[in-house]
Amino acid sequence: MPLFLGNLFQQLYNAVDSLIVGNYIGSEALAAVSSAGNLIFMVIGFFNGIAVGAGVVIARFIGAEDKKNTETAVHTTVVLGILFSVLMSIVGVLMAPTVLKLMSTPTSVLPESITYFQIYFAGSIGFVMYNTLVGILQAAGDSKHPLYYLIFSSVINVALDLLLIKGLHFGVGAAAFATAISQLFSAILCLIRLMNVDADYRIVLSKLRINKRMMEMILHYGLPSGLQNSIMAFSNVVIQSYINSFGKYAMAGIGAYIKVEGFIFIPITSFAMAITTFVSQNLGAKEYERVKKGIRFGALCTLLSAEILGVLLNFFAEPLVALFDSNPAVIVFGAERAHIVGWFFCLCAFTHFMAAVLRGIGKPMVPMLVFLFCWCVVRILFLLIASNFIHSIYLTYWVYPITWILSSVVLFAFYRRSGKI
């Protein structure tokens, strides 16, 4: 539940960015923010995957009550987070114009998209270190403090959005600035907590250094998860490029829908994060029967919650999209996607849950390869082939349920072979 509430607040302040931008700046600004969204996730998703891998390693050592290795893993993780945040800032700022042009971003939207992207990535240290430090806390079973810090940063983000955009009439760059500052505050609060906790995972600044063996272990678990996130986002970037060809209203409408869809992913993400840590800790403690019970209960909760929310989205799509932009053309694009995709979220939930379980039991390569094939290769080939016969935005709607079905079947087959049910 703390993970659920934390993800809820994170999605809320992401949605507030788009709400304020769409209502106080306009459809083109909303399209600019939306066009950068998938590209941003493609980059940060990779580094978040590394944090997930670090969490698996730390949780395993904590479950085994291995104080020395827990301490080494924590400090190696923090240093890797710092290095990755610097790298992300440099790459993100320099590559923004080129990549957005390759995505066929309309010229009317391109300048604001570049501004949003560059400001967002200039503040990379905030969100990279927040996710890194939260990963350590969650690996130790502490999901309450990250929730408190996220609530605090959400308030800061909303206040800055209203001040800079509504009050001072700044452009979309202000939304990116507000997000970067609020996440930096969250990271600082997490660091203070970890420096003062009386436990094996306490951070001591003088001990910050990279241990080669531990780094290799973290990357062994983290790289597949990071690549998996980037693969998912890359396919979405390709799909976004296709959406861009239908103009700014399609971009704004789909972008508004994605913000609403983010709330459906909250239980999916929350249970997936929880089950990875749960499985890893209990395997470290050799509680195998507890692992099986936790997986079955978690799968039931994930599928039911996602499907209920998906059905509600289908019925209330128009008013929800209209919250972001009241333009009728924008509403049509967003609602159309909801009416198709809303019925299939149980399959999306099952895919993410099974992937999280496999990471927890130490098989991160399996979900990475499944996502590479089903969510990247198949999606791109589907669009490339189908678009030769029909130029319709409906192709971008149906590509998701089709690949969710495929990935669910493949991951379940791998899971049964693992002998963990």
Protein backbone atom coordinates (compact mmCIF):
# COMPACT_ATOMS: atom_id res chain seq x y z
CA MET A 1 0.00 0.00 0.00
CA PRO A 2 2.81 2.53 0.67
CA LEU A 3 4.22 1.71 -2.78
CA PHE A 4 0.73 2.17 -4.26
CA LEU A 5 0.25 5.54 -2.56
CA GLY A 6 3.76 6.64 -3.52
CA ASN A 7 3.18 5.79 -7.18
CA LEU A 8 -0.21 7.50 -6.98
CA PHE A 9 1.35 10.76 -5.83
CA GLN A 10 4.08 10.48 -8.44
CA GLN A 11 1.49 10.01 -11.17
CA LEU A 12 -0.59 12.84 -9.75
CA TYR A 13 2.17 15.39 -10.01
CA ASN A 14 3.12 14.12 -13.48
CA ALA A 15 -0.52 14.60 -14.46
CA VAL A 16 -0.63 18.06 -12.87
CA ASP A 17 2.22 19.13 -15.18
CA SER A 18 0.11 18.23 -18.20
CA LEU A 19 -3.11 19.62 -16.70
CA ILE A 20 -1.54 23.00 -16.08
CA VAL A 21 0.34 23.05 -19.40
CA GLY A 22 -2.74 22.01 -21.39
CA ASN A 23 -5.13 24.44 -19.69
CA TYR A 24 -2.90 27.49 -19.29
CA ILE A 25 -0.56 27.29 -22.31
CA GLY A 26 -2.50 25.31 -24.92
CA SER A 27 -2.71 22.22 -27.14
CA GLU A 28 0.68 22.79 -28.80
CA ALA A 29 2.41 22.97 -25.42
CA LEU A 30 0.64 19.79 -24.28
CA ALA A 31 1.75 18.11 -27.51
CA ALA A 32 5.33 19.24 -26.84
CA VAL A 33 5.34 17.71 -23.35
CA SER A 34 3.71 14.52 -24.68
CA SER A 35 6.21 14.10 -27.51
CA ALA A 36 9.10 14.20 -25.03
CA GLY A 37 7.49 11.76 -22.59
CA ASN A 38 8.33 8.46 -24.27
CA LEU A 39 11.81 9.66 -25.11
CA ILE A 40 12.44 10.65 -21.50
CA PHE A 41 11.29 7.26 -20.25
CA MET A 42 13.52 5.49 -22.76
CA VAL A 43 16.56 7.10 -21.12
CA ILE A 44 15.58 7.17 -17.45
CA GLY A 45 13.99 3.71 -17.70
CA PHE A 46 17.42 2.26 -18.36
CA PHE A 47 18.91 3.74 -15.21
CA ASN A 48 15.84 2.88 -13.17
CA GLY A 49 16.39 -0.71 -14.25
CA ILE A 50 19.91 -0.57 -12.81
CA ALA A 51 18.34 0.62 -9.54
CA VAL A 52 15.97 -2.37 -9.64
CA GLY A 53 18.94 -4.70 -10.08
CA ALA A 54 20.70 -3.08 -7.14
CA GLY A 55 17.55 -3.54 -5.06
CA VAL A 56 17.44 -7.26 -5.85
CA VAL A 57 21.06 -7.67 -4.74
CA ILE A 58 20.64 -5.61 -1.55
CA ALA A 59 17.38 -7.38 -0.64
CA ARG A 60 19.04 -10.78 -1.04
CA PHE A 61 21.89 -9.81 1.31
CA ILE A 62 19.49 -8.29 3.84
CA GLY A 63 17.36 -11.46 3.78
CA ALA A 64 20.49 -13.53 4.40
CA GLU A 65 21.58 -11.10 7.20
CA ASP A 66 24.92 -10.55 5.47
CA LYS A 67 26.02 -7.22 6.97
CA LYS A 68 29.32 -6.82 5.10
CA ASN A 69 27.92 -7.42 1.63
CA THR A 70 24.83 -5.32 2.37
CA GLU A 71 27.07 -2.37 3.25
CA THR A 72 29.26 -2.87 0.17
CA ALA A 73 26.26 -3.17 -2.16
CA VAL A 74 24.62 -0.01 -0.80
CA HIS A 75 27.69 2.21 -1.20
CA THR A 76 28.49 0.84 -4.67
CA THR A 77 24.89 1.54 -5.72
CA VAL A 78 25.07 5.17 -4.58
CA VAL A 79 28.29 5.85 -6.51
CA LEU A 80 26.83 4.23 -9.64
CA GLY A 81 23.78 6.47 -9.26
CA ILE A 82 25.93 9.60 -9.17
CA LEU A 83 27.91 8.56 -12.24
CA PHE A 84 24.78 7.66 -14.20
CA SER A 85 23.09 10.97 -13.35
CA VAL A 86 26.05 12.96 -14.74
CA LEU A 87 26.11 10.82 -17.89
CA MET A 88 22.35 11.22 -18.39
CA SER A 89 22.53 15.01 -18.08
CA ILE A 90 25.22 15.29 -20.74
CA VAL A 91 23.63 12.86 -23.21
CA GLY A 92 20.09 14.19 -22.71
CA VAL A 93 20.94 17.85 -23.22
CA LEU A 94 23.17 17.27 -26.25
CA MET A 95 21.00 14.73 -28.06
CA ALA A 96 17.56 16.35 -27.56
CA PRO A 97 17.29 18.29 -30.87
CA THR A 98 18.56 15.43 -33.04
CA VAL A 99 16.39 12.73 -31.51
CA LEU A 100 13.20 14.79 -31.49
CA LYS A 101 13.69 15.58 -35.18
CA LEU A 102 14.18 11.88 -35.92
CA MET A 103 10.84 11.28 -34.21
CA SER A 104 9.14 13.47 -36.86
CA THR A 105 8.09 16.00 -34.22
CA PRO A 106 6.07 18.73 -36.03
CA THR A 107 7.94 22.02 -36.49
CA SER A 108 5.19 23.89 -34.63
CA VAL A 109 5.91 21.80 -31.51
CA LEU A 110 9.65 21.13 -31.89
CA PRO A 111 11.12 24.23 -30.12
CA GLU A 112 9.04 23.69 -26.96
CA SER A 113 9.74 19.93 -27.01
CA ILE A 114 13.50 20.60 -27.11
CA THR A 115 13.24 23.14 -24.28
CA TYR A 116 11.26 20.74 -22.08
CA PHE A 117 13.61 17.83 -22.79
CA GLN A 118 16.84 19.75 -22.16
CA ILE A 119 15.69 21.37 -18.90
CA TYR A 120 14.35 18.04 -17.64
CA PHE A 121 17.62 16.24 -18.27
CA ALA A 122 19.77 19.06 -16.95
CA GLY A 123 18.26 18.14 -13.57
CA SER A 124 18.93 14.43 -13.95
CA ILE A 125 20.69 14.08 -10.61
CA GLY A 126 17.40 14.62 -8.77
CA PHE A 127 15.35 11.83 -10.28
CA VAL A 128 18.26 9.38 -10.78
CA MET A 129 19.40 9.67 -7.17
CA TYR A 130 15.82 9.63 -5.87
CA ASN A 131 15.14 6.32 -7.63
CA THR A 132 18.52 4.94 -6.56
CA LEU A 133 18.03 5.81 -2.89
CA VAL A 134 14.39 4.75 -2.85
CA GLY A 135 15.51 1.40 -4.28
CA ILE A 136 17.78 0.92 -1.26
CA LEU A 137 15.03 1.81 1.20
CA GLN A 138 12.52 -0.49 -0.50
CA ALA A 139 15.03 -3.34 -0.65
CA ALA A 140 15.21 -3.04 3.14
CA GLY A 141 11.42 -3.15 3.39
CA ASP A 142 10.97 0.57 4.09
CA SER A 143 8.32 1.87 1.70
CA LYS A 144 6.79 4.40 4.11
CA HIS A 145 9.54 7.04 4.15
CA PRO A 146 9.75 7.22 0.34
CA LEU A 147 5.98 7.83 0.41
CA TYR A 148 6.34 10.75 2.84
CA TYR A 149 9.10 12.31 0.75
CA LEU A 150 7.12 11.86 -2.45
CA ILE A 151 4.09 13.61 -0.95
CA PHE A 152 6.35 16.49 0.06
CA SER A 153 7.89 16.75 -3.41
CA SER A 154 4.45 16.53 -5.04
CA VAL A 155 3.33 19.60 -3.12
CA ILE A 156 6.49 21.46 -4.21
CA ASN A 157 5.95 20.44 -7.84
CA VAL A 158 2.34 21.61 -7.95
CA ALA A 159 3.18 24.89 -6.19
CA LEU A 160 6.02 25.62 -8.62
CA ASP A 161 3.85 24.73 -11.62
CA LEU A 162 1.12 27.11 -10.53
CA LEU A 163 3.60 29.88 -9.67
CA LEU A 164 5.74 29.64 -12.81
CA ILE A 165 3.09 28.77 -15.42
CA LYS A 166 -0.20 30.19 -14.17
CA GLY A 167 1.24 33.05 -12.13
CA LEU A 168 4.34 34.16 -14.04
CA HIS A 169 3.23 32.83 -17.48
CA PHE A 170 6.42 30.93 -18.25
CA GLY A 171 6.40 28.22 -20.95
CA VAL A 172 6.72 24.43 -20.90
CA GLY A 173 10.30 24.66 -19.64
CA ALA A 174 8.88 25.76 -16.29
CA ALA A 175 7.07 22.42 -15.95
CA ALA A 176 10.32 20.52 -16.49
CA PHE A 177 12.13 22.81 -14.03
CA ALA A 178 9.44 22.28 -11.37
CA THR A 179 9.69 18.50 -11.74
CA ALA A 180 13.50 18.49 -11.53
CA ILE A 181 13.54 20.68 -8.39
CA SER A 182 10.86 18.65 -6.60
CA GLN A 183 12.66 15.37 -7.31
CA LEU A 184 15.93 16.85 -6.07
CA PHE A 185 14.24 17.63 -2.74
CA SER A 186 12.99 14.02 -2.56
CA ALA A 187 16.49 12.67 -3.20
CA ILE A 188 17.98 14.87 -0.47
CA LEU A 189 15.37 13.66 2.06
CA CYS A 190 16.08 10.02 1.13
CA LEU A 191 19.82 10.59 1.57
CA ILE A 192 19.31 12.15 5.00
CA ARG A 193 17.20 9.17 6.04
CA LEU A 194 19.79 6.64 4.85
CA MET A 195 22.64 8.51 6.54
CA ASN A 196 20.85 8.41 9.90
CA VAL A 197 19.23 4.98 9.94
CA ASP A 198 20.60 2.46 12.46
CA ALA A 199 20.89 -0.53 10.15
CA ASP A 200 23.29 -2.40 7.87
CA TYR A 201 22.16 -0.34 4.86
CA ARG A 202 23.19 2.99 6.42
CA ILE A 203 25.10 5.31 4.07
CA VAL A 204 28.43 6.66 5.32
CA LEU A 205 29.88 9.25 2.93
CA SER A 206 33.46 8.24 3.63
CA LYS A 207 32.67 4.68 2.49
CA LEU A 208 31.35 5.70 -0.92
CA ARG A 209 33.34 3.78 -3.49
CA ILE A 210 32.79 1.19 -6.19
CA ASN A 211 33.47 -2.43 -5.37
CA LYS A 212 34.19 -4.21 -8.66
CA ARG A 213 32.67 -7.56 -7.65
CA MET A 214 29.53 -5.89 -6.31
CA MET A 215 29.22 -3.64 -9.36
CA GLU A 216 29.34 -6.70 -11.61
CA MET A 217 26.63 -8.35 -9.54
CA ILE A 218 24.42 -5.25 -9.64
CA LEU A 219 24.88 -4.89 -13.40
CA HIS A 220 24.16 -8.59 -13.87
CA TYR A 221 20.69 -8.04 -12.40
CA GLY A 222 20.27 -4.40 -13.41
CA LEU A 223 21.32 -4.29 -17.05
CA PRO A 224 18.59 -6.69 -18.25
CA SER A 225 15.98 -4.68 -16.32
CA GLY A 226 17.37 -1.42 -17.68
CA LEU A 227 17.44 -2.73 -21.23
CA GLN A 228 13.91 -4.05 -20.76
CA ASN A 229 12.67 -0.58 -19.78
CA SER A 230 14.51 1.03 -22.67
CA ILE A 231 13.19 -1.58 -25.11
CA MET A 232 9.63 -0.86 -24.01
CA ALA A 233 10.22 2.88 -24.34
CA PHE A 234 11.99 2.55 -27.70
CA SER A 235 8.98 0.80 -29.19
CA ASN A 236 6.81 3.59 -27.78
CA VAL A 237 9.12 6.18 -29.36
CA VAL A 238 8.64 4.47 -32.74
CA ILE A 239 4.89 4.41 -32.18
CA GLN A 240 5.00 8.07 -31.08
CA SER A 241 6.75 8.93 -34.35
CA TYR A 242 3.83 7.33 -36.20
CA ILE A 243 1.34 9.23 -34.01
CA ASN A 244 3.20 12.49 -34.75
CA SER A 245 2.35 12.09 -38.44
CA PHE A 246 -1.33 12.65 -37.57
CA GLY A 247 -0.63 16.15 -36.20
CA LYS A 248 -0.66 18.09 -32.94
CA TYR A 249 -4.19 17.13 -31.90
CA ALA A 250 -3.35 13.43 -32.10
CA MET A 251 -0.17 14.10 -30.12
CA ALA A 252 -2.05 16.06 -27.46
CA GLY A 253 -4.95 13.58 -27.28
CA ILE A 254 -2.75 10.49 -26.97
CA GLY A 255 -0.52 12.37 -24.53
CA ALA A 256 -3.53 13.21 -22.33
CA TYR A 257 -4.70 9.59 -22.50
CA ILE A 258 -1.25 8.35 -21.44
CA LYS A 259 -1.40 10.57 -18.35
CA VAL A 260 -4.74 9.01 -17.43
CA GLU A 261 -3.45 5.52 -18.26
CA GLY A 262 -0.60 6.14 -15.83
CA PHE A 263 -3.05 5.78 -12.95
CA ILE A 264 -3.95 2.27 -14.11
CA PHE A 265 -0.29 1.35 -14.05
CA ILE A 266 -0.05 2.34 -10.38
CA PRO A 267 -1.24 -1.02 -8.95
CA ILE A 268 0.67 -2.86 -11.68
CA THR A 269 3.92 -1.07 -10.84
CA SER A 270 3.34 -1.23 -7.09
CA PHE A 271 2.71 -4.98 -6.91
CA ALA A 272 5.58 -5.65 -9.35
CA MET A 273 8.02 -3.66 -7.20
CA ALA A 274 6.76 -5.34 -4.05
CA ILE A 275 6.93 -8.88 -5.42
CA THR A 276 10.50 -8.49 -6.69
CA THR A 277 11.72 -7.45 -3.23
CA PHE A 278 9.47 -10.01 -1.50
CA VAL A 279 10.73 -12.90 -3.61
CA SER A 280 14.38 -11.85 -3.38
CA GLN A 281 14.35 -11.40 0.42
CA ASN A 282 12.53 -14.68 1.07
CA LEU A 283 14.78 -16.64 -1.25
CA GLY A 284 17.72 -15.18 0.67
CA ALA A 285 16.08 -16.43 3.89
CA LYS A 286 15.20 -19.79 2.22
CA GLU A 287 11.45 -19.30 2.80
CA TYR A 288 10.41 -21.07 -0.40
CA GLU A 289 6.79 -21.84 0.50
CA ARG A 290 6.26 -18.20 1.45
CA VAL A 291 7.57 -17.18 -1.98
CA LYS A 292 4.92 -19.32 -3.73
CA LYS A 293 2.06 -17.99 -1.60
CA GLY A 294 3.17 -14.39 -2.10
CA ILE A 295 3.36 -14.81 -5.88
CA ARG A 296 -0.16 -16.26 -6.11
CA PHE A 297 -1.72 -13.60 -3.90
CA GLY A 298 0.17 -10.79 -5.64
CA ALA A 299 -0.86 -11.98 -9.11
CA LEU A 300 -4.53 -12.06 -8.09
CA CYS A 301 -4.39 -8.52 -6.66
CA THR A 302 -2.51 -7.14 -9.67
CA LEU A 303 -4.80 -8.57 -12.33
CA LEU A 304 -8.06 -7.66 -10.60
CA SER A 305 -7.08 -4.08 -9.76
CA ALA A 306 -5.70 -3.37 -13.25
CA GLU A 307 -8.74 -4.78 -15.06
CA ILE A 308 -11.25 -2.92 -12.87
CA LEU A 309 -9.44 0.37 -13.51
CA GLY A 310 -9.17 -0.41 -17.23
CA VAL A 311 -12.93 -0.95 -17.53
CA LEU A 312 -13.60 2.30 -15.64
CA LEU A 313 -11.23 4.11 -18.01
CA ASN A 314 -13.17 2.78 -20.97
CA PHE A 315 -16.45 4.20 -19.66
CA PHE A 316 -15.13 7.57 -18.47
CA ALA A 317 -12.53 8.26 -21.16
CA GLU A 318 -14.02 11.45 -22.63
CA PRO A 319 -14.33 13.50 -19.40
CA LEU A 320 -10.93 12.29 -18.18
CA VAL A 321 -9.14 13.33 -21.39
CA ALA A 322 -11.07 16.63 -21.37
CA LEU A 323 -9.46 17.51 -18.03
CA PHE A 324 -6.19 18.04 -19.88
CA ASP A 325 -7.52 19.72 -23.02
CA SER A 326 -11.14 20.60 -23.84
CA ASN A 327 -10.49 20.74 -27.60
CA PRO A 328 -12.97 18.24 -29.18
CA ALA A 329 -10.36 16.94 -31.64
CA VAL A 330 -7.96 16.20 -28.78
CA ILE A 331 -10.67 14.40 -26.79
CA VAL A 332 -11.59 12.15 -29.74
CA PHE A 333 -8.04 10.87 -30.19
CA GLY A 334 -7.52 10.16 -26.49
CA ALA A 335 -10.93 8.52 -25.94
CA GLU A 336 -10.63 6.28 -29.01
CA ARG A 337 -7.49 4.68 -27.64
CA ALA A 338 -9.09 4.19 -24.20
CA HIS A 339 -12.12 2.44 -25.71
CA ILE A 340 -9.87 -0.16 -27.35
CA VAL A 341 -7.06 -0.64 -24.84
CA GLY A 342 -9.15 -0.37 -21.65
CA TRP A 343 -10.45 -3.94 -21.85
CA PHE A 344 -7.01 -5.60 -21.93
CA PHE A 345 -5.16 -4.25 -18.89
CA CYS A 346 -5.29 -7.58 -17.04
CA LEU A 347 -2.89 -8.93 -19.69
CA CYS A 348 -0.54 -5.97 -19.34
CA ALA A 349 -0.62 -6.48 -15.55
CA PHE A 350 0.13 -10.19 -15.88
CA THR A 351 3.13 -9.50 -18.12
CA HIS A 352 4.68 -6.99 -15.72
CA PHE A 353 4.01 -9.17 -12.68
CA MET A 354 5.59 -12.28 -14.20
CA ALA A 355 8.60 -10.23 -15.31
CA ALA A 356 9.00 -8.91 -11.75
CA VAL A 357 8.81 -12.44 -10.30
CA LEU A 358 11.44 -13.74 -12.71
CA ARG A 359 13.76 -10.86 -11.76
CA GLY A 360 13.24 -11.69 -8.09
CA ILE A 361 14.17 -15.35 -8.55
CA GLY A 362 17.36 -14.35 -10.36
CA LYS A 363 16.38 -14.69 -14.02
CA PRO A 364 16.42 -11.10 -15.32
CA MET A 365 17.45 -12.09 -18.85
CA VAL A 366 14.16 -13.90 -19.52
CA PRO A 367 11.82 -10.88 -19.23
CA MET A 368 14.34 -8.70 -21.08
CA LEU A 369 14.38 -11.05 -24.09
CA VAL A 370 10.60 -11.49 -24.01
CA PHE A 371 10.05 -7.72 -23.94
CA LEU A 372 12.63 -7.26 -26.71
CA PHE A 373 10.78 -9.64 -29.00
CA CYS A 374 7.14 -9.03 -28.06
CA TRP A 375 7.12 -5.34 -27.18
CA CYS A 376 9.76 -4.08 -29.58
CA VAL A 377 10.32 -6.33 -32.59
CA VAL A 378 6.68 -7.42 -32.98
CA ARG A 379 5.27 -3.91 -32.41
CA ILE A 380 7.61 -2.27 -34.90
CA LEU A 381 7.12 -4.99 -37.52
CA PHE A 382 3.35 -4.78 -37.05
CA LEU A 383 3.37 -1.03 -37.72
CA LEU A 384 5.81 -1.27 -40.61
CA ILE A 385 3.86 -4.00 -42.38
CA ALA A 386 0.31 -2.87 -41.57
CA SER A 387 1.00 0.78 -42.43
CA ASN A 388 1.78 -0.26 -46.01
CA PHE A 389 -1.86 -1.30 -46.40
CA ILE A 390 -3.64 1.24 -44.20
CA HIS A 391 -2.61 4.60 -42.76
CA SER A 392 -4.68 4.68 -39.60
CA ILE A 393 -3.98 5.75 -36.03
CA TYR A 394 -6.00 2.70 -34.95
CA LEU A 395 -2.89 0.64 -35.68
CA THR A 396 -1.17 2.33 -32.72
CA TYR A 397 -4.13 1.43 -30.51
CA TRP A 398 -4.35 -2.29 -31.35
CA VAL A 399 -0.61 -2.95 -31.28
CA TYR A 400 -0.67 -2.86 -27.46
CA PRO A 401 -3.34 -5.53 -26.72
CA ILE A 402 -1.90 -7.82 -29.39
CA THR A 403 1.60 -7.75 -27.88
CA TRP A 404 0.28 -7.97 -24.29
CA ILE A 405 -1.40 -11.27 -25.20
CA LEU A 406 1.80 -12.58 -26.78
CA SER A 407 4.11 -11.58 -23.90
CA SER A 408 1.70 -12.98 -21.28
CA VAL A 409 1.70 -16.41 -22.92
CA VAL A 410 5.49 -16.51 -23.35
CA LEU A 411 6.34 -15.31 -19.83
CA PHE A 412 3.87 -17.72 -18.22
CA ALA A 413 5.46 -20.59 -20.14
CA PHE A 414 8.93 -19.61 -18.88
CA TYR A 415 7.60 -19.26 -15.35
CA ARG A 416 6.05 -22.73 -15.36
CA ARG A 417 9.37 -24.15 -16.52
CA SER A 418 11.13 -22.47 -13.58
CA GLY A 419 9.23 -24.80 -11.22
CA LYS A 420 8.26 -21.97 -8.85
CA ILE A 421 4.45 -22.50 -8.98
